[in-house]
Amino acid sequence: MTLYDLFILLILIIASLLILIIMVQNPKGGGLDSSFGGGAQIGGVQDTNKFLDKATWFLAISLFVLIIFSNFVYHSSMSKVESTIKVENFEKPKTDAGTTTPATDNNTEKK
């Protein structure tokens, strides 16, 4: 598993979590807070929207950063592959061009 594969795996996990967190939120501002009784409840349920908001921003920023880093890792690994291919092609000498003998013309008559 290369570093690029690790970045892709992390991107997929974070994207899935981001989808789940966004789907839990209510677009009108209620979200999970209104599901558990709204503002009348005392406890940690009122902080649910704050947690979901912070988690959404954290996952979105980390997804963006991982995509940028994976781009750099991909291009650096591809340049190493291209340089290896170029070196391998130049190191092998072409020997089959020197083993052929020139054709002689046996049909020429001396006058």
C-alpha atoms as a PDB file:
ATOM      1  CA  MET A   1       0.000   0.000   0.000  1.00  0.00           C
ATOM      2  CA  THR A   2       1.518   3.273  -1.115  1.00  0.00           C
ATOM      3  CA  LEU A   3       1.142   6.646   0.500  1.00  0.00           C
ATOM      4  CA  TYR A   4      -1.228   7.680  -2.274  1.00  0.00           C
ATOM      5  CA  ASP A   5      -3.484   4.677  -1.517  1.00  0.00           C
ATOM      6  CA  LEU A   6      -3.518   5.674   2.143  1.00  0.00           C
ATOM      7  CA  PHE A   7      -4.625   9.194   1.218  1.00  0.00           C
ATOM      8  CA  ILE A   8      -7.405   7.823  -0.996  1.00  0.00           C
ATOM      9  CA  LEU A   9      -8.623   5.571   1.820  1.00  0.00           C
ATOM     10  CA  LEU A  10      -8.672   8.477   4.286  1.00  0.00           C
ATOM     11  CA  ILE A  11     -10.494  10.665   1.756  1.00  0.00           C
ATOM     12  CA  LEU A  12     -13.196   8.022   1.311  1.00  0.00           C
ATOM     13  CA  ILE A  13     -13.655   7.598   5.072  1.00  0.00           C
ATOM     14  CA  ILE A  14     -13.858  11.348   5.711  1.00  0.00           C
ATOM     15  CA  ALA A  15     -16.241  11.864   2.784  1.00  0.00           C
ATOM     16  CA  SER A  16     -18.547   9.143   4.133  1.00  0.00           C
ATOM     17  CA  LEU A  17     -18.520  10.662   7.614  1.00  0.00           C
ATOM     18  CA  LEU A  18     -19.188  14.094   6.171  1.00  0.00           C
ATOM     19  CA  ILE A  19     -22.202  12.771   4.263  1.00  0.00           C
ATOM     20  CA  LEU A  20     -23.587  11.164   7.408  1.00  0.00           C
ATOM     21  CA  ILE A  21     -23.137  14.290   9.532  1.00  0.00           C
ATOM     22  CA  ILE A  22     -24.726  16.514   6.915  1.00  0.00           C
ATOM     23  CA  MET A  23     -27.715  14.181   6.580  1.00  0.00           C
ATOM     24  CA  VAL A  24     -28.281  14.235  10.365  1.00  0.00           C
ATOM     25  CA  GLN A  25     -28.559  18.017  10.398  1.00  0.00           C
ATOM     26  CA  ASN A  26     -31.878  19.731   9.801  1.00  0.00           C
ATOM     27  CA  PRO A  27     -31.682  22.445   7.130  1.00  0.00           C
ATOM     28  CA  LYS A  28     -34.036  24.729   9.110  1.00  0.00           C
ATOM     29  CA  GLY A  29     -31.853  24.775  12.186  1.00  0.00           C
ATOM     30  CA  GLY A  30     -33.635  22.161  14.316  1.00  0.00           C
ATOM     31  CA  GLY A  31     -31.443  19.144  13.717  1.00  0.00           C
ATOM     32  CA  LEU A  32     -31.068  16.617  16.496  1.00  0.00           C
ATOM     33  CA  ASP A  33     -31.765  19.296  19.082  1.00  0.00           C
ATOM     34  CA  SER A  34     -35.430  19.569  18.073  1.00  0.00           C
ATOM     35  CA  SER A  35     -35.774  15.789  17.910  1.00  0.00           C
ATOM     36  CA  PHE A  36     -34.980  15.468  21.597  1.00  0.00           C
ATOM     37  CA  GLY A  37     -37.311  18.167  22.877  1.00  0.00           C
ATOM     38  CA  GLY A  38     -35.869  21.459  21.674  1.00  0.00           C
ATOM     39  CA  GLY A  39     -34.712  24.165  24.037  1.00  0.00           C
ATOM     40  CA  ALA A  40     -36.734  22.934  27.002  1.00  0.00           C
ATOM     41  CA  GLN A  41     -34.283  20.174  27.813  1.00  0.00           C
ATOM     42  CA  ILE A  42     -31.374  20.723  30.125  1.00  0.00           C
ATOM     43  CA  GLY A  43     -28.161  18.893  29.382  1.00  0.00           C
ATOM     44  CA  GLY A  44     -25.902  18.151  26.470  1.00  0.00           C
ATOM     45  CA  VAL A  45     -28.572  17.869  23.797  1.00  0.00           C
ATOM     46  CA  GLN A  46     -28.560  21.628  23.173  1.00  0.00           C
ATOM     47  CA  ASP A  47     -24.897  21.406  22.259  1.00  0.00           C
ATOM     48  CA  THR A  48     -25.622  18.860  19.531  1.00  0.00           C
ATOM     49  CA  ASN A  49     -25.924  21.490  16.820  1.00  0.00           C
ATOM     50  CA  LYS A  50     -22.632  23.057  17.892  1.00  0.00           C
ATOM     51  CA  PHE A  51     -20.923  19.678  17.774  1.00  0.00           C
ATOM     52  CA  LEU A  52     -22.382  18.843  14.357  1.00  0.00           C
ATOM     53  CA  ASP A  53     -21.410  22.262  13.035  1.00  0.00           C
ATOM     54  CA  LYS A  54     -17.833  21.937  14.288  1.00  0.00           C
ATOM     55  CA  ALA A  55     -17.583  18.353  13.034  1.00  0.00           C
ATOM     56  CA  THR A  56     -18.829  19.400   9.599  1.00  0.00           C
ATOM     57  CA  TRP A  57     -16.258  22.172   9.312  1.00  0.00           C
ATOM     58  CA  PHE A  58     -13.450  19.960  10.627  1.00  0.00           C
ATOM     59  CA  LEU A  59     -14.242  17.142   8.187  1.00  0.00           C
ATOM     60  CA  ALA A  60     -14.664  19.530   5.254  1.00  0.00           C
ATOM     61  CA  ILE A  61     -11.318  21.229   5.894  1.00  0.00           C
ATOM     62  CA  SER A  62      -9.504  17.933   6.456  1.00  0.00           C
ATOM     63  CA  LEU A  63     -11.048  16.539   3.249  1.00  0.00           C
ATOM     64  CA  PHE A  64      -9.779  19.564   1.320  1.00  0.00           C
ATOM     65  CA  VAL A  65      -6.282  19.252   2.819  1.00  0.00           C
ATOM     66  CA  LEU A  66      -6.080  15.519   2.102  1.00  0.00           C
ATOM     67  CA  ILE A  67      -7.111  16.069  -1.515  1.00  0.00           C
ATOM     68  CA  ILE A  68      -4.387  18.703  -1.969  1.00  0.00           C
ATOM     69  CA  PHE A  69      -1.730  16.486  -0.339  1.00  0.00           C
ATOM     70  CA  SER A  70      -2.764  13.457  -2.371  1.00  0.00           C
ATOM     71  CA  ASN A  71      -2.322  15.510  -5.519  1.00  0.00           C
ATOM     72  CA  PHE A  72       1.286  16.294  -4.564  1.00  0.00           C
ATOM     73  CA  VAL A  73       1.992  12.682  -3.600  1.00  0.00           C
ATOM     74  CA  TYR A  74       0.535  11.408  -6.887  1.00  0.00           C
ATOM     75  CA  HIS A  75       2.602  13.756  -9.042  1.00  0.00           C
ATOM     76  CA  SER A  76       5.819  13.054  -7.144  1.00  0.00           C
ATOM     77  CA  SER A  77       5.334   9.282  -7.457  1.00  0.00           C
ATOM     78  CA  MET A  78       4.533   9.573 -11.168  1.00  0.00           C
ATOM     79  CA  SER A  79       7.711  11.574 -11.853  1.00  0.00           C
ATOM     80  CA  LYS A  80       9.769   8.838 -10.183  1.00  0.00           C
ATOM     81  CA  VAL A  81       8.114   6.194 -12.367  1.00  0.00           C
ATOM     82  CA  GLU A  82       8.721   8.207 -15.538  1.00  0.00           C
ATOM     83  CA  SER A  83      12.384   8.795 -14.684  1.00  0.00           C
ATOM     84  CA  THR A  84      12.865   5.082 -13.954  1.00  0.00           C
ATOM     85  CA  ILE A  85      11.363   4.177 -17.306  1.00  0.00           C
ATOM     86  CA  LYS A  86      13.605   6.669 -19.111  1.00  0.00           C
ATOM     87  CA  VAL A  87      16.732   5.338 -17.366  1.00  0.00           C
ATOM     88  CA  GLU A  88      15.833   1.728 -18.194  1.00  0.00           C
ATOM     89  CA  ASN A  89      15.320   2.566 -21.872  1.00  0.00           C
ATOM     90  CA  PHE A  90      18.679   4.339 -22.187  1.00  0.00           C
ATOM     91  CA  GLU A  91      20.730   1.712 -20.380  1.00  0.00           C
ATOM     92  CA  LYS A  92      19.918  -1.139 -22.780  1.00  0.00           C
ATOM     93  CA  PRO A  93      22.026  -0.886 -25.941  1.00  0.00           C
ATOM     94  CA  LYS A  94      20.488  -1.994 -29.201  1.00  0.00           C
ATOM     95  CA  THR A  95      22.558  -4.974 -30.332  1.00  0.00           C
ATOM     96  CA  ASP A  96      20.404  -6.418 -33.104  1.00  0.00           C
ATOM     97  CA  ALA A  97      21.308  -3.590 -35.525  1.00  0.00           C
ATOM     98  CA  GLY A  98      25.022  -4.514 -35.450  1.00  0.00           C
ATOM     99  CA  THR A  99      24.620  -8.271 -36.017  1.00  0.00           C
ATOM    100  CA  THR A 100      23.216  -8.095 -39.530  1.00  0.00           C
ATOM    101  CA  THR A 101      25.600  -8.320 -42.457  1.00  0.00           C
ATOM    102  CA  PRO A 102      25.135  -6.191 -45.528  1.00  0.00           C
ATOM    103  CA  ALA A 103      23.657  -7.934 -48.536  1.00  0.00           C
ATOM    104  CA  THR A 104      26.027  -8.574 -51.399  1.00  0.00           C
ATOM    105  CA  ASP A 105      24.941  -8.358 -54.969  1.00  0.00           C
ATOM    106  CA  ASN A 106      25.773 -11.705 -56.589  1.00  0.00           C
ATOM    107  CA  ASN A 107      24.147 -10.827 -59.917  1.00  0.00           C
ATOM    108  CA  THR A 108      26.695  -8.231 -60.947  1.00  0.00           C
ATOM    109  CA  GLU A 109      28.713  -9.190 -64.026  1.00  0.00           C
ATOM    110  CA  LYS A 110      32.178  -7.983 -64.728  1.00  0.00           C
ATOM    111  CA  LYS A 111      32.651  -6.542 -68.218  1.00  0.00           C
END
